[in-house]
Amino acid sequence: MFSIITGSVLLSFLHALIPNHWLPVIAIGRREAWSLQEITRVTFQAATAHAASTILIGLVLSYIGTELAVRVDAFTHLVAPGILIALGLVFIYRHHRHKHFHVDETFKKKTSRSRIIAALLVAMFFSPCMEIEAYFLLAGAKAPWLVWLLALLYFLISTTGMLLLVRYAYQGLLKLNWHSLEHNAGIITGFTLVATGILTLFIQ
């Protein structure tokens, strides 16, 4: 269980760092002359919508994990860690093609504040973090409390991280190579999933 919690925390933190989750909010906010308080509020709404869809999918997968663990004894010990490793290898292989949430240019051209915010919320809700879902599947095979713990940790870390990054980036206090981080997010995610799967095989 320790490996599941550690892996999900690392991925939640990485997820918050991915710039195309929150840089579009800053870009649109500056274009529309929003205050920092307004940008922060919209970021929280977008992050909440994004986390909600991710957690909803995670809860469904955790139920599947619970049922599989009951019916197939080998699932918890072999199949679930194998899924993590396989998924991690897929992310490593495809990291150079990694695409995540991007705000369409037509959203940026809309002048209505309510339409811009609605577009952001819809886009974020329908772009859940699929990388974290494997952990919900594995947690469902372990214990119900672990599923809810993962949901809480994911929500708190991803939302808080995005809010802090937006505030610091808006004030020009962050000087990082965001393009490099976004490009390498897939391979970092892949290695995290593989490491968690291997640890889970040996630490039951």
Foldseek 3Di string as FASTA:
>chain_A
DVLLLVLLLVLLQLLLLQCQLQVVLLVLCVVLVHDLVVSLVLLLLQLVLQLVLQLVLLQVLLQVLLVCVVVPVCCLQPVLLVVLLVVLVVLQVCLQVDDFQHQDPVLSVDNDPVSNSVSSSVSSNVGHDPLSSSSSNNVSSPDPVSSVVSSVSSSVNNSVSNSVVSSCVSVVNDDDDSVVSSSCSSNVSSVSSNVSSVVSNVPD
